């Protein structure tokens, strides 16, 4: 090869590598999360303790990583735990635990939380029981309470606290939310068309307004996860068991339930695009919760999972190893020997192995737009 050409190629490669090295990762100092049981780290145990039995404070929850129940709906870590670790941050304390160490952020997510306020479900007879008051709006109210503890605030004109750039180096998660909303609405007997027409737009609008509210509070980096394929959940498959084979796709998941999840994600992506246009300084990331689960279920062996991937690891009975009268954590309910080979932990939530895969896809791609680490790059 001509020496001049060799030098030219070397020069171009050097420039490209310098360009890569010149970028640095934002020093994320804190994380704030809103959502439901997929990322709750203990709030529901505190909130529901005196109201309803919650079995996640019993073994085998937490057995894979913590060695004991940790308040998480998993055998180990949830998605935000892996993301915190990647960013060099400690695990987030649950807001209701009244932790004195909130300098690196707080987790406001609660198991069973809805995006829409709970009064909507109760007054419209969509639920036959009273819900815990843990909706997204309630969690945003907790965030307002926590701000003075998190930020070193100065007094602004008029005597109000000023939080300045407190949240400029924080990473926010708004979701996953909507799964519980749709579960309640499905249970109320609504059809796929009704849910798409009347309820999905309301759920997505609620999430979008929450993101906008946080941006106005100073948030810059915000991750907004979509819905997972709940039509593949062992609990939903059990509740909505159908004799009609056409109700299921080639994986064995319920078509109509997943169609609602996909429609939610479609509208959510469009809402995020609108927010990006209105707030160009903000980095709003859509995190895909649907595709990583579908990819695993479609070819479980390729990802190191057991072939019968629609069964729960911890549970008993039925085609999907899930019984609504014998939850994981109850006496006598067994767990599988190798949770890492299962997608679903308890029939509703995911194993640590699944959560790890999702987190890596959000951090590095391809399951986030843009990938979180890419969005945090400074050049």
Protein backbone atom coordinates (compact mmCIF):
# COMPACT_ATOMS: atom_id res chain seq x y z
CA UNK A 1 0.00 0.00 0.00
CA UNK A 2 1.24 3.52 -0.80
CA UNK A 3 2.76 5.17 2.31
CA UNK A 4 0.75 8.33 1.67
CA UNK A 5 -2.46 6.32 1.68
CA UNK A 6 -1.42 4.52 4.87
CA UNK A 7 -0.74 7.85 6.56
CA UNK A 8 -4.09 9.25 5.37
CA UNK A 9 -6.02 6.25 6.71
CA UNK A 10 -4.14 6.45 10.03
CA UNK A 11 -4.87 10.18 10.28
CA UNK A 12 -8.58 9.72 9.64
CA UNK A 13 -8.84 6.91 12.21
CA UNK A 14 -6.96 9.00 14.76
CA UNK A 15 -9.35 11.89 14.27
CA UNK A 16 -12.34 9.60 14.66
CA UNK A 17 -10.96 8.08 17.85
CA UNK A 18 -10.15 11.50 19.25
CA UNK A 19 -13.72 12.50 18.51
CA UNK A 20 -14.98 9.52 20.46
CA UNK A 21 -12.64 10.15 23.38
CA UNK A 22 -13.53 13.85 23.51
CA UNK A 23 -17.05 12.99 24.59
CA UNK A 24 -17.60 12.54 28.31
CA UNK A 25 -20.50 11.12 30.24
CA UNK A 26 -22.63 13.56 32.19
CA UNK A 27 -21.89 13.29 35.90
CA UNK A 28 -25.34 12.09 36.96
CA UNK A 29 -25.60 12.96 40.63
CA UNK A 30 -29.10 11.68 41.39
CA UNK A 31 -32.03 9.69 40.06
CA UNK A 32 -35.74 10.18 40.66
CA UNK A 33 -38.22 7.50 39.68
CA UNK A 34 -42.00 7.44 39.34
CA UNK A 35 -43.97 4.34 38.41
CA UNK A 36 -45.46 1.10 39.64
CA UNK A 37 -44.29 -2.28 40.92
CA UNK A 38 -41.82 -2.81 38.09
CA UNK A 39 -39.49 -0.30 39.78
CA UNK A 40 -40.86 0.01 43.33
CA UNK A 41 -38.17 -0.57 45.97
CA UNK A 42 -40.38 -0.70 49.04
CA UNK A 43 -43.07 1.99 48.98
CA UNK A 44 -45.99 -0.42 48.62
CA UNK A 45 -44.93 -2.40 51.70
CA UNK A 46 -45.20 0.74 53.81
CA UNK A 47 -48.33 2.08 52.15
CA UNK A 48 -50.31 -1.15 52.09
CA UNK A 49 -49.11 -2.79 55.31
CA UNK A 50 -52.17 -1.88 57.35
CA UNK A 51 -54.66 -2.29 54.49
CA UNK A 52 -53.99 -5.44 52.45
CA UNK A 53 -51.54 -8.36 52.69
CA UNK A 54 -48.48 -7.94 50.48
CA UNK A 55 -46.35 -11.03 50.18
CA UNK A 56 -43.16 -9.52 48.74
CA UNK A 57 -41.71 -9.18 52.24
CA UNK A 58 -41.51 -12.98 52.44
CA UNK A 59 -38.97 -15.36 50.91
CA UNK A 60 -38.21 -16.25 48.16
CA UNK A 61 -38.39 -12.59 47.11
CA UNK A 62 -34.88 -11.15 46.92
CA UNK A 63 -33.18 -14.54 47.02
CA UNK A 64 -30.98 -14.09 43.93
CA UNK A 65 -29.19 -10.86 44.84
CA UNK A 66 -30.04 -9.48 48.26
CA UNK A 67 -30.44 -12.83 50.01
CA UNK A 68 -33.65 -11.61 51.63
CA UNK A 69 -36.82 -9.70 50.64
CA UNK A 70 -35.88 -6.12 49.71
CA UNK A 71 -39.26 -4.55 48.94
CA UNK A 72 -38.79 -5.30 45.24
CA UNK A 73 -41.18 -7.40 43.17
CA UNK A 74 -38.42 -9.71 41.96
CA UNK A 75 -35.97 -12.39 42.97
CA UNK A 76 -33.29 -9.69 42.89
CA UNK A 77 -32.71 -6.32 41.33
CA UNK A 78 -35.13 -4.32 39.21
CA UNK A 79 -34.26 -2.29 36.11
CA UNK A 80 -33.40 0.95 37.89
CA UNK A 81 -30.96 -0.89 40.17
CA UNK A 82 -28.88 -1.92 37.17
CA UNK A 83 -29.03 1.58 35.74
CA UNK A 84 -27.97 3.15 39.05
CA UNK A 85 -25.05 0.74 39.21
CA UNK A 86 -23.95 1.68 35.68
CA UNK A 87 -24.03 5.36 36.64
CA UNK A 88 -22.09 4.78 39.87
CA UNK A 89 -25.06 5.62 42.09
CA UNK A 90 -26.40 3.74 45.12
CA UNK A 91 -29.74 1.96 45.09
CA UNK A 92 -32.59 4.42 45.52
CA UNK A 93 -34.40 4.55 48.86
CA UNK A 94 -38.18 4.30 48.81
CA UNK A 95 -39.72 7.70 49.56
CA UNK A 96 -42.02 6.35 52.28
CA UNK A 97 -39.08 4.84 54.16
CA UNK A 98 -38.16 8.39 55.23
CA UNK A 99 -34.51 7.74 54.47
CA UNK A 100 -32.15 10.44 55.70
CA UNK A 101 -29.84 9.82 52.73
CA UNK A 102 -31.61 11.23 49.69
CA UNK A 103 -28.71 13.17 48.19
CA UNK A 104 -28.54 10.72 45.27
CA UNK A 105 -32.27 10.65 44.64
CA UNK A 106 -35.51 9.02 45.72
CA UNK A 107 -37.83 6.31 44.39
CA UNK A 108 -41.48 7.40 44.38
CA UNK A 109 -42.81 4.36 42.48
CA UNK A 110 -45.45 2.25 44.20
CA UNK A 111 -46.73 -1.23 43.41
CA UNK A 112 -50.24 -1.05 41.96
CA UNK A 113 -49.93 2.62 40.97
CA UNK A 114 -51.95 4.03 38.11
CA UNK A 115 -51.19 6.92 35.80
CA UNK A 116 -54.73 8.29 36.11
CA UNK A 117 -55.89 9.45 39.54
CA UNK A 118 -57.62 6.69 41.51
CA UNK A 119 -60.86 8.68 41.86
CA UNK A 120 -61.44 8.20 38.12
CA UNK A 121 -61.61 4.41 38.51
CA UNK A 122 -63.76 4.54 41.63
CA UNK A 123 -66.32 7.12 40.45
CA UNK A 124 -66.69 5.47 37.04
CA UNK A 125 -67.25 2.03 38.62
CA UNK A 126 -64.19 0.57 36.93
CA UNK A 127 -63.11 -1.15 40.17
CA UNK A 128 -65.30 -2.85 42.81
CA UNK A 129 -62.97 -1.87 45.66
CA UNK A 130 -61.15 1.15 47.02
CA UNK A 131 -57.67 1.68 45.59
CA UNK A 132 -54.55 2.84 47.36
CA UNK A 133 -54.01 6.52 46.63
CA UNK A 134 -50.72 6.08 44.82
CA UNK A 135 -51.26 7.48 41.32
CA UNK A 136 -48.69 9.45 39.34
CA UNK A 137 -50.11 12.74 40.59
CA UNK A 138 -49.67 11.58 44.19
CA UNK A 139 -46.08 10.60 43.47
CA UNK A 140 -45.42 14.03 41.95
CA UNK A 141 -46.78 15.53 45.16
CA UNK A 142 -44.26 13.45 47.12
CA UNK A 143 -41.55 14.81 44.84
CA UNK A 144 -42.58 18.34 45.79
CA UNK A 145 -42.29 17.37 49.47
CA UNK A 146 -38.84 15.88 48.95
CA UNK A 147 -37.30 18.80 47.06
CA UNK A 148 -36.09 20.77 50.10
CA UNK A 149 -34.31 17.67 51.43
CA UNK A 150 -32.71 16.91 48.08
CA UNK A 151 -31.68 20.41 47.04
CA UNK A 152 -29.70 23.11 48.77
CA UNK A 153 -32.17 25.82 47.90
CA UNK A 154 -31.86 29.59 48.09
CA UNK A 155 -34.69 31.98 48.69
CA UNK A 156 -36.14 33.53 45.55
CA UNK A 157 -37.96 36.90 45.37
CA UNK A 158 -41.25 36.65 47.19
CA UNK A 159 -39.87 34.35 49.86
CA UNK A 160 -40.29 31.14 47.84
CA UNK A 161 -37.48 28.56 47.67
CA UNK A 162 -35.40 28.52 44.48
CA UNK A 163 -33.99 25.17 43.40
CA UNK A 164 -31.81 26.62 40.66
CA UNK A 165 -29.92 23.93 38.77
CA UNK A 166 -30.60 21.24 41.35
CA UNK A 167 -32.00 18.82 38.77
CA UNK A 168 -29.77 19.60 35.80
CA UNK A 169 -27.56 16.59 36.52
CA UNK A 170 -30.38 14.28 37.59
CA UNK A 171 -31.89 11.42 35.65
CA UNK A 172 -35.67 11.07 35.91
CA UNK A 173 -37.81 8.02 35.13
CA UNK A 174 -41.52 8.58 34.50
CA UNK A 175 -42.87 5.06 34.30
CA UNK A 176 -43.49 2.37 33.48
CA UNK A 177 -47.12 3.45 34.00
CA UNK A 178 -50.41 2.40 32.45
CA UNK A 179 -50.32 -1.36 33.04
CA UNK A 180 -52.50 -1.14 36.14
CA UNK A 181 -54.85 1.36 34.49
CA UNK A 182 -55.50 -1.05 31.62
CA UNK A 183 -55.72 -4.11 33.88
CA UNK A 184 -58.51 -2.44 35.86
CA UNK A 185 -60.27 -1.39 32.66
CA UNK A 186 -60.00 -4.86 31.08
CA UNK A 187 -61.39 -6.39 34.28
CA UNK A 188 -64.31 -3.96 34.10
CA UNK A 189 -65.32 -5.62 30.84
CA UNK A 190 -64.24 -2.97 28.34
CA UNK A 191 -63.32 -4.03 24.82
CA UNK A 192 -60.06 -3.48 22.97
CA UNK A 193 -61.68 -0.77 20.83
CA UNK A 194 -63.14 1.01 23.87
CA UNK A 195 -59.81 0.99 25.69
CA UNK A 196 -57.97 2.35 22.66
CA UNK A 197 -60.54 5.07 22.01
CA UNK A 198 -61.39 6.31 25.50
CA UNK A 199 -58.65 5.30 27.92
CA UNK A 200 -55.26 5.03 26.22
CA UNK A 201 -55.26 8.72 25.19
CA UNK A 202 -56.09 9.71 28.77
CA UNK A 203 -53.29 7.58 30.23
CA UNK A 204 -50.73 8.88 27.73
CA UNK A 205 -51.82 12.49 28.24
CA UNK A 206 -51.41 12.07 32.02
CA UNK A 207 -47.86 10.76 31.57
CA UNK A 208 -47.02 13.51 29.06
CA UNK A 209 -48.22 16.25 31.41
CA UNK A 210 -46.13 14.76 34.23
CA UNK A 211 -43.02 14.88 32.04
CA UNK A 212 -43.79 18.50 31.14
CA UNK A 213 -44.26 19.37 34.80
CA UNK A 214 -40.85 17.92 35.67
CA UNK A 215 -39.19 19.81 32.82
CA UNK A 216 -40.63 23.03 34.21
CA UNK A 217 -39.15 22.04 37.59
CA UNK A 218 -35.71 21.88 35.97
CA UNK A 219 -35.48 18.27 34.78
CA UNK A 220 -33.37 17.87 31.63
CA UNK A 221 -32.77 14.11 31.31
CA UNK A 222 -35.98 12.10 31.42
CA UNK A 223 -36.59 8.43 30.59
CA UNK A 224 -40.17 7.50 29.72
CA UNK A 225 -40.69 3.72 29.49
CA UNK A 226 -43.53 2.29 27.47
CA UNK A 227 -45.71 -0.67 28.42
CA UNK A 228 -44.48 -4.28 28.40
CA UNK A 229 -46.46 -7.00 26.57
CA UNK A 230 -48.88 -7.76 29.39
CA UNK A 231 -50.69 -10.20 27.12
CA UNK A 232 -47.72 -12.51 27.75
CA UNK A 233 -47.95 -12.26 31.55
CA UNK A 234 -48.75 -15.57 33.29
CA UNK A 235 -51.32 -13.83 35.50
CA UNK A 236 -53.14 -12.19 32.57
CA UNK A 237 -52.95 -15.41 30.53
CA UNK A 238 -54.55 -17.23 33.46
CA UNK A 239 -57.29 -14.66 34.11
CA UNK A 240 -58.19 -14.32 30.43
CA UNK A 241 -57.77 -17.95 29.40
CA UNK A 242 -59.61 -18.49 26.12
CA UNK A 243 -60.67 -21.65 24.25
CA UNK A 244 -60.29 -19.74 20.98
CA UNK A 245 -56.82 -20.34 19.51
CA UNK A 246 -57.12 -17.24 17.32
CA UNK A 247 -57.01 -15.12 20.48
CA UNK A 248 -53.31 -16.01 20.80
CA UNK A 249 -50.30 -15.09 18.69
CA UNK A 250 -47.52 -17.49 17.61
CA UNK A 251 -45.78 -17.08 20.97
CA UNK A 252 -48.91 -17.85 22.96
CA UNK A 253 -49.64 -14.29 24.11
CA UNK A 254 -53.07 -12.67 24.04
CA UNK A 255 -53.43 -10.58 20.89
CA UNK A 256 -55.93 -7.99 22.14
CA UNK A 257 -54.11 -7.23 25.41
CA UNK A 258 -50.83 -6.75 23.58
CA UNK A 259 -52.55 -4.65 20.91
CA UNK A 260 -53.52 -2.17 23.63
CA UNK A 261 -49.95 -2.12 24.94
CA UNK A 262 -48.60 -1.44 21.44
CA UNK A 263 -51.15 1.32 20.88
CA UNK A 264 -50.17 2.89 24.20
CA UNK A 265 -46.53 2.84 23.13
CA UNK A 266 -47.39 4.36 19.74
CA UNK A 267 -49.25 7.28 21.32
CA UNK A 268 -46.57 7.69 23.96
CA UNK A 269 -43.85 7.97 21.30
CA UNK A 270 -45.91 10.65 19.53
CA UNK A 271 -46.40 12.54 22.80
CA UNK A 272 -42.66 12.45 23.47
CA UNK A 273 -41.98 13.79 19.98
CA UNK A 274 -44.29 16.70 20.77
CA UNK A 275 -42.53 17.40 24.06
CA UNK A 276 -39.14 17.34 22.32
CA UNK A 277 -40.41 20.00 19.94
CA UNK A 278 -41.66 22.22 22.76
CA UNK A 279 -38.63 21.71 24.99
CA UNK A 280 -35.59 21.26 22.72
CA UNK A 281 -33.14 21.66 25.62
CA UNK A 282 -34.50 18.53 27.34
CA UNK A 283 -33.29 15.01 26.50
CA UNK A 284 -36.40 12.86 26.60
CA UNK A 285 -35.74 9.15 26.10
CA UNK A 286 -38.37 6.62 25.08
CA UNK A 287 -37.49 3.30 26.74
CA UNK A 288 -38.99 0.29 24.97
CA UNK A 289 -40.35 -2.19 27.51
CA UNK A 290 -42.22 -4.22 24.91
CA UNK A 291 -39.67 -5.39 22.35
CA UNK A 292 -37.05 -6.88 24.71
CA UNK A 293 -39.65 -9.15 26.33
CA UNK A 294 -41.09 -10.20 22.98
CA UNK A 295 -37.64 -11.01 21.63
CA UNK A 296 -36.85 -13.25 24.58
CA UNK A 297 -40.21 -15.02 24.45
CA UNK A 298 -39.94 -15.53 20.70
CA UNK A 299 -36.59 -17.32 21.02
CA UNK A 300 -35.91 -17.99 24.73
CA UNK A 301 -33.07 -20.45 24.21
CA UNK A 302 -31.07 -17.86 22.28
CA UNK A 303 -31.07 -15.63 25.38
CA UNK A 304 -30.39 -18.42 27.87
CA UNK A 305 -33.99 -18.83 29.08
CA UNK A 306 -36.04 -22.01 29.43
CA UNK A 307 -38.18 -22.99 26.46
CA UNK A 308 -41.45 -22.81 28.42
CA UNK A 309 -40.98 -19.08 28.83
CA UNK A 310 -44.61 -18.17 29.56
CA UNK A 311 -44.56 -19.91 32.95
CA UNK A 312 -43.80 -18.10 36.21
CA UNK A 313 -40.77 -19.14 38.24
CA UNK A 314 -42.43 -18.63 41.62
CA UNK A 315 -45.97 -19.95 41.70
CA UNK A 316 -48.10 -23.03 41.46
CA UNK A 317 -50.85 -24.58 39.37
CA UNK A 318 -52.37 -24.15 35.94
CA UNK A 319 -50.83 -23.90 32.52
CA UNK A 320 -48.73 -20.87 33.50
CA UNK A 321 -47.71 -21.84 37.04
CA UNK A 322 -49.84 -19.06 38.53
CA UNK A 323 -52.81 -19.21 40.88
CA UNK A 324 -54.61 -16.06 42.14
CA UNK A 325 -55.17 -17.82 45.46
CA UNK A 326 -51.55 -18.86 45.94
CA UNK A 327 -49.22 -15.93 45.37
CA UNK A 328 -45.46 -16.15 45.44
CA UNK A 329 -44.36 -15.56 49.03
CA UNK A 330 -47.33 -17.35 50.55
CA UNK A 331 -46.60 -20.43 52.67
CA UNK A 332 -46.13 -23.52 50.55
CA UNK A 333 -45.81 -21.70 47.21
CA UNK A 334 -42.57 -22.91 45.60
CA UNK A 335 -40.03 -21.12 43.42
CA UNK A 336 -38.02 -22.66 40.60
CA UNK A 337 -34.42 -23.67 41.25
CA UNK A 338 -32.97 -21.36 38.61
CA UNK A 339 -34.79 -18.00 38.37
CA UNK A 340 -32.25 -16.85 35.78
CA UNK A 341 -33.82 -19.26 33.28
CA UNK A 342 -37.26 -17.66 33.63
CA UNK A 343 -38.70 -14.44 32.18
CA UNK A 344 -41.45 -14.01 34.76
CA UNK A 345 -40.66 -14.18 38.45
CA UNK A 346 -44.07 -14.29 40.13
CA UNK A 347 -46.49 -14.27 37.21
CA UNK A 348 -46.71 -10.49 37.09
CA UNK A 349 -43.16 -9.17 37.43
CA UNK A 350 -39.83 -10.08 35.90
CA UNK A 351 -36.82 -11.98 37.15
CA UNK A 352 -33.53 -10.24 37.82
CA UNK A 353 -32.15 -11.86 34.65
CA UNK A 354 -34.91 -10.27 32.56
CA UNK A 355 -34.51 -6.91 34.30
CA UNK A 356 -30.78 -6.97 33.57
CA UNK A 357 -31.40 -7.57 29.88
CA UNK A 358 -33.92 -4.72 29.70
CA UNK A 359 -31.60 -2.33 31.56
CA UNK A 360 -28.69 -3.07 29.22
CA UNK A 361 -30.95 -2.45 26.24
CA UNK A 362 -32.02 0.91 27.67
CA UNK A 363 -28.51 1.95 28.58
CA UNK A 364 -26.67 0.90 25.43
CA UNK A 365 -29.43 0.24 22.90
CA UNK A 366 -31.27 -0.99 20.97
CA UNK A 367 -34.27 -0.65 23.30
CA UNK A 368 -34.19 3.10 23.91
CA UNK A 369 -34.50 6.16 21.69
CA UNK A 370 -31.88 7.41 22.21
CA UNK A 371 -29.96 4.96 24.46
CA UNK A 372 -29.55 6.44 27.93
CA UNK A 373 -25.74 6.56 27.85
CA UNK A 374 -25.85 8.21 24.44
CA UNK A 375 -28.25 10.86 25.71
CA UNK A 376 -25.94 11.56 28.65
CA UNK A 377 -22.90 12.19 26.44
CA UNK A 378 -21.38 15.65 26.41
CA UNK A 379 -19.14 16.72 23.56
